[in-house]
């Protein structure tokens, strides 16, 4: 079984998805006329919009924070350290490049999720790749495969991995037994997830800004106290990115590890964030508006949070190729150089916040997938919540290597399905973007009306997308 899973992951993650995610990002960047750059200021207006009276959805800011809760995890601390260790300082530039094109992918998939969203039994908005695959491509079987893979990967296994990271960090920094840590995490997670997606969104909009701001402020402090070293560090990053500095495999190592870190961290094209994007009431009331919000999420995750970790490591002198100090221990070693022993505690607490918010964010995605599978009633959702909590307990004290590989395979399959789907539906994304762009030139707030798109008749809920809703 392990050999089969490893083979699938080798095909998906070493070949197909690396090139596929890059290609789809470049495709949308060009076809949408560099939407992520042209509309960058618009992203902030879309996030802060909350004037819509439709309360069937969460606010755009809550949707952003919930997607960031899932995106910003232990990979932003440990994963970046591994990328720098294997690829050298130059990996950071390629990490930036893949995030910039990934913003276009994130825009496209979340715009589609908004367009094809529906109301659940409680009148709340739900949607995502499974819904636009079913409605837009008339392929419900593919939507079901996507949903099952999402529940297995994000809802269950990845939450065990995040719990494992928290338990190890707390035990290493404070000596707290893993089982006690796991129990505490499960209790805190239960308080949040038993309130459903709305409760997750409310917690995320408080915790995530605090979490991200604190981490970025520490990074700014580190840069400030090492300001004289910054020019040399930037030169080292540029030399490493283009193979002018013989370190950690040169340009090949920098390119491969930077691209992987960027893709795995920001999740653009994976089909995860669109699940919460669909739950939002956008303002302006247009599908493209929420697409812009999630594009900003990629920017924050990679170009801000991942970069913060990279800068703290590179300015510390702790990055020593061949030292075998990598991952979270490397980040801890870097922080110890900057602020002493308190640095180890800071990294442990950061992992606690990053990983816990990932658990509740991942749960929100899984609950959305349950709605598509018509198992989103009280019994089905309760069973999901219990399974999530059991996986948190189990993951806190067990080795999760094998199941993590299985989750990688599930995520790889759902990403493959999603890439194909958004590519086939790219014409719709282009029309929506053109409509938003044209309206923005003439009116203060673009409004999407399904009646203006007769080709979508029978595919979208006109009660949601109508000027007279």
Protein backbone atom coordinates (compact mmCIF):
# COMPACT_ATOMS: atom_id res chain seq x y z
CA UNK A 1 0.00 0.00 0.00
CA UNK A 2 2.77 2.43 0.94
CA UNK A 3 4.55 1.74 -2.35
CA UNK A 4 1.39 2.46 -4.36
CA UNK A 5 0.73 5.72 -2.48
CA UNK A 6 4.36 6.79 -2.92
CA UNK A 7 4.11 6.07 -6.66
CA UNK A 8 0.95 8.17 -7.00
CA UNK A 9 2.55 11.03 -5.10
CA UNK A 10 5.69 10.82 -7.22
CA UNK A 11 3.63 11.18 -10.40
CA UNK A 12 1.34 13.90 -9.07
CA UNK A 13 3.70 16.07 -7.04
CA UNK A 14 7.00 15.62 -8.83
CA UNK A 15 5.63 15.98 -12.34
CA UNK A 16 1.96 16.60 -13.09
CA UNK A 17 0.89 19.14 -10.47
CA UNK A 18 4.06 21.21 -10.28
CA UNK A 19 3.81 21.99 -13.99
CA UNK A 20 0.01 21.99 -14.03
CA UNK A 21 -0.38 24.56 -11.25
CA UNK A 22 2.27 26.80 -12.78
CA UNK A 23 0.73 26.49 -16.23
CA UNK A 24 -2.81 27.27 -15.09
CA UNK A 25 -1.52 30.30 -13.15
CA UNK A 26 0.29 31.66 -16.20
CA UNK A 27 -2.73 30.86 -18.38
CA UNK A 28 -5.13 32.88 -16.22
CA UNK A 29 -2.60 35.67 -15.69
CA UNK A 30 -2.37 36.20 -19.46
CA UNK A 31 -5.98 35.46 -20.38
CA UNK A 32 -7.35 37.74 -17.65
CA UNK A 33 -4.92 40.50 -18.64
CA UNK A 34 -2.89 40.45 -15.41
CA UNK A 35 -5.96 40.83 -13.23
CA UNK A 36 -3.95 40.34 -10.02
CA UNK A 37 -1.88 43.45 -10.76
CA UNK A 38 -4.49 45.65 -12.41
CA UNK A 39 -7.05 45.05 -9.66
CA UNK A 40 -4.67 44.90 -6.69
CA UNK A 41 -6.12 48.04 -4.99
CA UNK A 42 -9.61 46.69 -5.69
CA UNK A 43 -8.81 43.63 -3.57
CA UNK A 44 -8.69 45.71 -0.41
CA UNK A 45 -12.00 47.41 -1.22
CA UNK A 46 -13.60 43.99 -1.80
CA UNK A 47 -12.29 42.66 1.53
CA UNK A 48 -13.57 45.61 3.54
CA UNK A 49 -16.99 45.66 1.89
CA UNK A 50 -19.76 44.65 4.28
CA UNK A 51 -22.71 46.82 3.27
CA UNK A 52 -24.75 44.02 1.69
CA UNK A 53 -28.03 43.31 3.49
CA UNK A 54 -28.04 39.64 2.42
CA UNK A 55 -27.12 37.78 5.62
CA UNK A 56 -27.23 34.29 4.10
CA UNK A 57 -23.45 34.44 3.84
CA UNK A 58 -20.47 35.44 5.94
CA UNK A 59 -18.68 38.75 5.28
CA UNK A 60 -15.83 39.03 2.76
CA UNK A 61 -13.40 39.71 5.63
CA UNK A 62 -14.55 36.57 7.45
CA UNK A 63 -14.11 34.56 4.26
CA UNK A 64 -10.57 35.90 3.83
CA UNK A 65 -9.66 35.15 7.44
CA UNK A 66 -11.11 31.63 7.27
CA UNK A 67 -9.19 30.83 4.09
CA UNK A 68 -6.04 32.26 5.67
CA UNK A 69 -6.71 30.12 8.74
CA UNK A 70 -6.29 27.08 6.52
CA UNK A 71 -3.54 28.49 4.27
CA UNK A 72 -1.31 29.84 7.02
CA UNK A 73 -0.15 26.74 8.88
CA UNK A 74 3.01 25.06 10.07
CA UNK A 75 4.26 25.04 6.48
CA UNK A 76 4.80 28.79 6.77
CA UNK A 77 7.26 28.12 9.60
CA UNK A 78 8.73 24.69 8.92
CA UNK A 79 8.11 24.46 5.17
CA UNK A 80 9.88 27.71 4.33
CA UNK A 81 12.86 26.61 6.44
CA UNK A 82 13.07 23.37 4.46
CA UNK A 83 12.87 25.26 1.14
CA UNK A 84 15.74 27.54 2.16
CA UNK A 85 17.80 24.62 3.48
CA UNK A 86 17.40 22.61 0.27
CA UNK A 87 17.24 25.42 -2.28
CA UNK A 88 19.28 28.17 -0.70
CA UNK A 89 18.31 31.85 -0.31
CA UNK A 90 17.37 32.08 -3.99
CA UNK A 91 14.31 29.88 -3.36
CA UNK A 92 12.50 32.90 -1.95
CA UNK A 93 12.36 34.68 -5.33
CA UNK A 94 10.77 31.67 -7.03
CA UNK A 95 8.38 31.41 -4.11
CA UNK A 96 7.33 34.99 -4.86
CA UNK A 97 6.99 34.33 -8.59
CA UNK A 98 4.71 31.33 -8.14
CA UNK A 99 2.56 33.30 -5.67
CA UNK A 100 2.12 36.17 -8.14
CA UNK A 101 0.79 33.87 -10.88
CA UNK A 102 -1.11 31.84 -8.27
CA UNK A 103 -3.12 34.93 -7.40
CA UNK A 104 -4.76 34.71 -10.84
CA UNK A 105 -5.62 31.04 -10.25
CA UNK A 106 -7.08 31.81 -6.83
CA UNK A 107 -9.14 34.59 -8.39
CA UNK A 108 -10.51 32.28 -11.09
CA UNK A 109 -11.51 29.35 -8.85
CA UNK A 110 -13.13 31.53 -6.17
CA UNK A 111 -15.00 33.59 -8.77
CA UNK A 112 -16.47 30.35 -10.13
CA UNK A 113 -17.31 29.17 -6.60
CA UNK A 114 -19.27 32.37 -6.02
CA UNK A 115 -21.11 32.14 -9.33
CA UNK A 116 -22.33 28.56 -8.82
CA UNK A 117 -23.08 28.74 -5.07
CA UNK A 118 -26.40 27.50 -3.65
CA UNK A 119 -28.35 27.77 -0.41
CA UNK A 120 -28.31 24.86 2.00
CA UNK A 121 -31.26 23.65 4.09
CA UNK A 122 -30.70 26.49 6.56
CA UNK A 123 -30.65 29.10 3.80
CA UNK A 124 -26.89 29.66 4.07
CA UNK A 125 -24.58 29.89 1.07
CA UNK A 126 -22.47 26.88 0.15
CA UNK A 127 -20.41 26.11 -2.94
CA UNK A 128 -16.97 25.32 -4.27
CA UNK A 129 -15.29 23.21 -6.95
CA UNK A 130 -17.70 20.28 -6.55
CA UNK A 131 -20.59 22.63 -7.33
CA UNK A 132 -19.07 24.34 -10.38
CA UNK A 133 -17.87 20.98 -11.69
CA UNK A 134 -21.40 19.60 -11.39
CA UNK A 135 -23.30 22.64 -12.66
CA UNK A 136 -20.82 24.12 -15.10
CA UNK A 137 -19.36 20.92 -16.57
CA UNK A 138 -22.32 18.58 -15.93
CA UNK A 139 -20.00 16.09 -14.20
CA UNK A 140 -21.47 15.28 -10.76
CA UNK A 141 -19.31 12.16 -10.49
CA UNK A 142 -16.17 14.30 -10.63
CA UNK A 143 -17.65 16.62 -8.04
CA UNK A 144 -18.25 13.65 -5.74
CA UNK A 145 -14.66 12.45 -6.15
CA UNK A 146 -13.42 15.93 -5.37
CA UNK A 147 -15.57 16.19 -2.23
CA UNK A 148 -14.53 12.81 -0.86
CA UNK A 149 -10.85 13.59 -1.41
CA UNK A 150 -11.27 16.99 0.27
CA UNK A 151 -12.92 15.47 3.35
CA UNK A 152 -10.22 12.80 3.68
CA UNK A 153 -7.30 15.18 3.14
CA UNK A 154 -8.33 18.50 4.70
CA UNK A 155 -11.10 17.44 7.05
CA UNK A 156 -9.34 14.47 8.63
CA UNK A 157 -5.68 13.71 7.94
CA UNK A 158 -4.25 17.22 7.65
CA UNK A 159 -5.89 18.08 10.95
CA UNK A 160 -4.05 15.15 12.55
CA UNK A 161 -0.81 16.54 11.10
CA UNK A 162 -1.50 20.02 12.46
CA UNK A 163 -2.29 18.58 15.91
CA UNK A 164 0.94 16.60 15.77
CA UNK A 165 2.90 19.79 15.03
CA UNK A 166 1.31 21.61 17.98
CA UNK A 167 1.95 18.69 20.37
CA UNK A 168 5.60 18.40 19.37
CA UNK A 169 6.15 22.16 19.64
CA UNK A 170 4.53 22.38 23.09
CA UNK A 171 6.39 19.35 24.40
CA UNK A 172 9.72 20.63 23.05
CA UNK A 173 9.33 24.19 24.35
CA UNK A 174 7.37 23.72 27.58
CA UNK A 175 7.61 20.00 28.39
CA UNK A 176 3.84 19.42 28.24
CA UNK A 177 2.97 15.75 27.44
CA UNK A 178 1.57 15.29 23.94
CA UNK A 179 -1.64 13.60 25.10
CA UNK A 180 -2.53 16.54 27.34
CA UNK A 181 -1.82 18.92 24.49
CA UNK A 182 -3.99 16.87 22.12
CA UNK A 183 -6.86 16.82 24.61
CA UNK A 184 -6.70 20.59 25.05
CA UNK A 185 -6.64 21.15 21.27
CA UNK A 186 -9.62 18.82 20.79
CA UNK A 187 -11.64 20.68 23.45
CA UNK A 188 -10.85 24.09 21.92
CA UNK A 189 -11.61 22.80 18.43
CA UNK A 190 -14.92 21.32 19.59
CA UNK A 191 -16.03 24.67 21.02
CA UNK A 192 -15.44 26.26 17.62
CA UNK A 193 -16.50 23.64 15.08
CA UNK A 194 -19.73 22.65 16.82
CA UNK A 195 -20.88 26.16 16.02
CA UNK A 196 -20.55 25.45 12.29
CA UNK A 197 -19.00 27.54 9.55
CA UNK A 198 -20.35 30.81 10.94
CA UNK A 199 -18.66 30.17 14.29
CA UNK A 200 -15.41 29.24 12.51
CA UNK A 201 -15.61 32.50 10.56
CA UNK A 202 -16.22 34.56 13.70
CA UNK A 203 -13.22 33.02 15.47
CA UNK A 204 -11.02 33.32 12.38
CA UNK A 205 -11.73 37.03 11.92
CA UNK A 206 -10.41 37.65 15.45
CA UNK A 207 -7.52 35.18 15.70
CA UNK A 208 -6.06 35.31 12.19
CA UNK A 209 -5.41 39.09 12.00
CA UNK A 210 -3.83 38.98 15.48
CA UNK A 211 -1.76 35.94 14.54
CA UNK A 212 -0.51 37.34 11.23
CA UNK A 213 0.10 40.85 12.54
CA UNK A 214 2.12 39.59 15.52
CA UNK A 215 4.28 37.39 13.32
CA UNK A 216 4.89 40.17 10.78
CA UNK A 217 5.72 42.69 13.51
CA UNK A 218 8.39 40.38 14.90
CA UNK A 219 9.79 39.98 11.38
CA UNK A 220 9.89 43.77 10.95
CA UNK A 221 11.70 44.07 14.27
CA UNK A 222 14.28 41.51 13.13
CA UNK A 223 14.81 43.40 9.86
CA UNK A 224 15.15 46.69 11.74
CA UNK A 225 17.82 45.44 14.14
CA UNK A 226 19.73 43.89 11.24
CA UNK A 227 19.16 46.68 8.73
CA UNK A 228 22.84 46.96 7.79
CA UNK A 229 22.82 43.32 6.67
CA UNK A 230 19.71 43.62 4.50
CA UNK A 231 21.47 44.79 1.26
CA UNK A 232 23.87 41.86 1.42
CA UNK A 233 21.04 39.46 2.12
CA UNK A 234 19.04 40.74 -0.88
CA UNK A 235 22.09 40.35 -3.11
CA UNK A 236 22.49 36.79 -1.83
CA UNK A 237 18.84 36.03 -2.65
CA UNK A 238 19.21 37.32 -6.23
CA UNK A 239 22.49 35.46 -6.82
CA UNK A 240 21.00 32.23 -5.49
CA UNK A 241 17.82 32.52 -7.57
CA UNK A 242 19.71 32.71 -10.86
CA UNK A 243 22.53 30.29 -10.08
CA UNK A 244 25.19 32.95 -9.53
CA UNK A 245 25.96 31.63 -6.06
CA UNK A 246 26.97 27.99 -5.77
CA UNK A 247 24.77 26.95 -2.85
CA UNK A 248 22.32 24.10 -2.33
CA UNK A 249 22.05 22.98 -5.92
CA UNK A 250 22.23 26.37 -7.63
CA UNK A 251 19.37 27.57 -9.80
CA UNK A 252 17.76 24.12 -10.09
CA UNK A 253 17.55 23.68 -6.32
CA UNK A 254 16.34 27.26 -5.78
CA UNK A 255 13.72 27.01 -8.52
CA UNK A 256 12.31 23.61 -7.53
CA UNK A 257 12.13 24.26 -3.79
CA UNK A 258 10.84 27.81 -4.14
CA UNK A 259 8.09 26.71 -6.54
CA UNK A 260 7.06 23.80 -4.31
CA UNK A 261 6.92 25.94 -1.19
CA UNK A 262 4.86 28.59 -2.95
CA UNK A 263 2.39 26.10 -4.40
CA UNK A 264 1.95 24.05 -1.24
CA UNK A 265 1.57 27.07 1.03
CA UNK A 266 -0.87 29.32 -0.83
CA UNK A 267 -3.07 26.43 -2.10
CA UNK A 268 -3.93 28.35 -5.29
CA UNK A 269 -5.50 25.89 -7.71
CA UNK A 270 -5.95 23.17 -5.08
CA UNK A 271 -9.68 23.82 -4.83
CA UNK A 272 -9.70 24.31 -1.05
CA UNK A 273 -10.22 28.06 -0.51
CA UNK A 274 -13.16 28.29 -2.99
CA UNK A 275 -15.23 26.29 -0.49
CA UNK A 276 -15.23 29.17 1.97
CA UNK A 277 -15.23 31.81 -0.77
CA UNK A 278 -18.65 30.54 -1.84
CA UNK A 279 -20.04 31.01 1.67
CA UNK A 280 -19.51 34.78 1.53
CA UNK A 281 -21.88 37.58 0.57
CA UNK A 282 -19.62 39.65 -1.70
CA UNK A 283 -19.56 43.42 -1.74
CA UNK A 284 -19.72 44.56 -4.55
CA UNK A 285 -22.34 41.88 -5.24
CA UNK A 286 -20.49 40.23 -8.10
CA UNK A 287 -18.68 36.84 -8.28
CA UNK A 288 -15.43 38.55 -9.28
CA UNK A 289 -15.43 40.50 -6.04
CA UNK A 290 -14.88 37.39 -3.92
CA UNK A 291 -12.33 36.15 -6.44
CA UNK A 292 -10.30 39.28 -5.71
CA UNK A 293 -10.57 38.66 -1.97
CA UNK A 294 -9.07 35.19 -2.28
CA UNK A 295 -6.33 36.42 -4.61
CA UNK A 296 -5.31 38.74 -1.78
CA UNK A 297 -5.20 35.70 0.49
CA UNK A 298 -2.44 34.20 -1.66
CA UNK A 299 -0.51 37.46 -1.45
CA UNK A 300 -0.75 37.57 2.34
CA UNK A 301 0.15 33.90 2.81
CA UNK A 302 3.22 33.75 0.60
CA UNK A 303 4.52 37.24 -0.04
CA UNK A 304 4.02 38.35 3.56
CA UNK A 305 3.97 35.44 6.04
CA UNK A 306 6.31 33.03 4.21
CA UNK A 307 8.65 35.93 3.42
CA UNK A 308 8.67 36.91 7.11
CA UNK A 309 9.95 33.44 8.03
CA UNK A 310 12.55 33.53 5.26
CA UNK A 311 13.90 36.93 6.31
CA UNK A 312 14.18 35.92 9.96
CA UNK A 313 16.15 32.82 8.98
CA UNK A 314 18.42 34.51 6.44
CA UNK A 315 19.31 37.38 8.77
CA UNK A 316 20.19 35.03 11.63
CA UNK A 317 23.11 33.13 10.13
CA UNK A 318 21.46 29.89 11.28
CA UNK A 319 21.08 28.57 7.73
CA UNK A 320 24.08 26.27 7.28
CA UNK A 321 23.90 23.80 4.36
CA UNK A 322 24.84 20.32 5.49
CA UNK A 323 24.15 21.03 9.17
CA UNK A 324 21.00 18.84 9.17
CA UNK A 325 19.17 21.61 11.08
CA UNK A 326 16.05 22.28 9.06
CA UNK A 327 12.29 22.66 9.40
CA UNK A 328 10.88 24.14 12.62
CA UNK A 329 14.20 23.63 14.52
CA UNK A 330 15.90 25.89 11.96
CA UNK A 331 13.30 28.60 12.46
CA UNK A 332 13.69 28.22 16.24
CA UNK A 333 17.47 28.45 15.94
CA UNK A 334 17.09 31.62 13.88
CA UNK A 335 14.79 33.23 16.43
CA UNK A 336 17.14 32.26 19.24
CA UNK A 337 19.84 34.26 17.47
CA UNK A 338 17.58 37.31 17.26
CA UNK A 339 15.79 37.41 20.62
CA UNK A 340 17.45 34.74 22.75
CA UNK A 341 15.74 31.77 24.36
CA UNK A 342 12.40 33.59 24.05
CA UNK A 343 12.69 32.91 20.31
CA UNK A 344 12.05 29.20 20.84
CA UNK A 345 8.92 29.96 22.83
CA UNK A 346 7.78 32.44 20.19
CA UNK A 347 8.05 29.83 17.42
CA UNK A 348 6.21 27.25 19.54
CA UNK A 349 3.37 29.69 20.22
CA UNK A 350 3.28 30.71 16.54
CA UNK A 351 2.95 27.03 15.57
CA UNK A 352 0.12 26.70 18.10
CA UNK A 353 -1.83 29.56 16.54
CA UNK A 354 -1.01 28.70 12.92
CA UNK A 355 -1.84 25.02 13.29
CA UNK A 356 -4.99 25.48 15.39
CA UNK A 357 -6.49 27.94 12.93
CA UNK A 358 -5.66 25.49 10.15
CA UNK A 359 -7.67 22.82 11.96
CA UNK A 360 -10.82 24.95 12.17
CA UNK A 361 -10.33 26.30 8.63
CA UNK A 362 -9.92 22.81 7.22
CA UNK A 363 -13.06 21.72 9.04
CA UNK A 364 -15.03 24.49 7.32
CA UNK A 365 -13.98 23.12 3.93
CA UNK A 366 -15.02 19.59 4.92
CA UNK A 367 -18.45 20.70 6.16
CA UNK A 368 -19.03 22.42 2.83
CA UNK A 369 -18.13 19.20 0.99
CA UNK A 370 -20.63 17.28 3.14
CA UNK A 371 -23.39 19.59 1.86
CA UNK A 372 -22.53 18.67 -1.74
CA UNK A 373 -22.62 14.94 -0.89
CA UNK A 374 -26.07 15.51 0.64
CA UNK A 375 -24.73 14.44 4.02
CA UNK A 376 -24.81 17.93 5.48
CA UNK A 377 -27.72 17.28 7.83
CA UNK A 378 -27.43 17.23 11.60
CA UNK A 379 -26.36 13.56 11.77
CA UNK A 380 -23.80 13.73 8.99
CA UNK A 381 -22.19 16.96 10.23
CA UNK A 382 -22.10 15.68 13.82
CA UNK A 383 -20.29 12.54 12.68
CA UNK A 384 -17.82 14.67 10.73
CA UNK A 385 -17.13 16.82 13.80
CA UNK A 386 -16.55 13.76 15.99
CA UNK A 387 -14.19 12.27 13.40
CA UNK A 388 -12.25 15.55 13.18
CA UNK A 389 -11.80 15.64 16.97
CA UNK A 390 -10.72 11.99 17.08
CA UNK A 391 -8.13 12.67 14.37
CA UNK A 392 -6.84 15.62 16.40
CA UNK A 393 -6.42 13.38 19.46
CA UNK A 394 -4.80 10.61 17.45
CA UNK A 395 -2.50 12.91 15.52
CA UNK A 396 -1.23 14.64 18.67
CA UNK A 397 0.68 11.58 19.86
CA UNK A 398 1.06 9.24 16.87
CA UNK A 399 3.43 9.32 13.90
CA UNK A 400 1.38 10.43 10.91
CA UNK A 401 3.83 9.81 8.08
CA UNK A 402 1.89 7.09 6.26
CA UNK A 403 -1.52 8.74 6.47
CA UNK A 404 0.06 12.07 5.57
CA UNK A 405 1.30 10.50 2.34
CA UNK A 406 -2.22 9.20 1.73
CA UNK A 407 -3.59 12.70 2.29
CA UNK A 408 -1.07 14.06 -0.19
CA UNK A 409 -2.43 11.61 -2.75
CA UNK A 410 -6.02 12.69 -2.02
CA UNK A 411 -5.10 16.36 -2.26
CA UNK A 412 -3.20 15.70 -5.48
CA UNK A 413 -6.24 14.05 -7.03
CA UNK A 414 -8.61 16.87 -6.01
CA UNK A 415 -6.14 19.46 -7.30
CA UNK A 416 -5.89 17.65 -10.63
CA UNK A 417 -9.68 17.56 -10.99
CA UNK A 418 -9.89 21.25 -10.06
CA UNK A 419 -7.20 22.38 -12.50
CA UNK A 420 -8.96 20.65 -15.38
CA UNK A 421 -12.33 22.12 -14.33
CA UNK A 422 -11.24 25.76 -14.04
CA UNK A 423 -9.37 25.44 -17.34
CA UNK A 424 -12.53 24.23 -19.07
CA UNK A 425 -14.58 26.98 -17.41
CA UNK A 426 -12.04 29.71 -18.15
CA UNK A 427 -14.33 31.30 -20.76
CA UNK A 428 -16.90 31.99 -18.05
CA UNK A 429 -14.23 33.55 -15.83
CA UNK A 430 -13.15 35.82 -18.69
CA UNK A 431 -16.74 37.01 -19.26
CA UNK A 432 -17.27 37.67 -15.56
CA UNK A 433 -14.01 39.61 -15.34
CA UNK A 434 -14.86 41.67 -18.41
CA UNK A 435 -18.30 42.42 -16.96
CA UNK A 436 -16.78 43.54 -13.64
CA UNK A 437 -14.13 45.63 -15.36
CA UNK A 438 -16.65 47.36 -17.65
CA UNK A 439 -19.07 48.12 -14.82
CA UNK A 440 -16.28 49.46 -12.61
CA UNK A 441 -15.57 52.08 -15.28
CA UNK A 442 -19.13 53.41 -15.20
CA UNK A 443 -20.66 52.65 -11.79
CA UNK A 444 -19.39 52.77 -8.22
CA UNK A 445 -20.35 49.19 -7.40
CA UNK A 446 -20.61 46.48 -10.07
CA UNK A 447 -23.64 44.21 -9.72
CA UNK A 448 -23.93 40.83 -11.38
CA UNK A 449 -27.29 39.94 -12.89
CA UNK A 450 -27.70 36.38 -14.21
CA UNK A 451 -30.22 37.69 -16.73
CA UNK A 452 -27.33 39.33 -18.59
CA UNK A 453 -25.74 35.89 -19.11
CA UNK A 454 -28.40 33.74 -20.83
CA UNK A 455 -25.85 30.96 -21.45
CA UNK A 456 -25.86 30.33 -17.68
CA UNK A 457 -29.62 29.69 -17.55
CA UNK A 458 -30.37 26.65 -15.41
CA UNK A 459 -26.83 26.59 -14.01
CA UNK A 460 -26.87 29.42 -11.46
CA UNK A 461 -29.39 30.37 -8.77
CA UNK A 462 -31.15 33.44 -10.17
CA UNK A 463 -32.64 34.22 -6.75
CA UNK A 464 -29.09 34.96 -5.61
CA UNK A 465 -27.82 36.66 -8.75
CA UNK A 466 -30.57 39.08 -9.67
CA UNK A 467 -30.82 42.85 -9.32
CA UNK A 468 -34.23 42.27 -7.76
CA UNK A 469 -33.12 39.64 -5.26
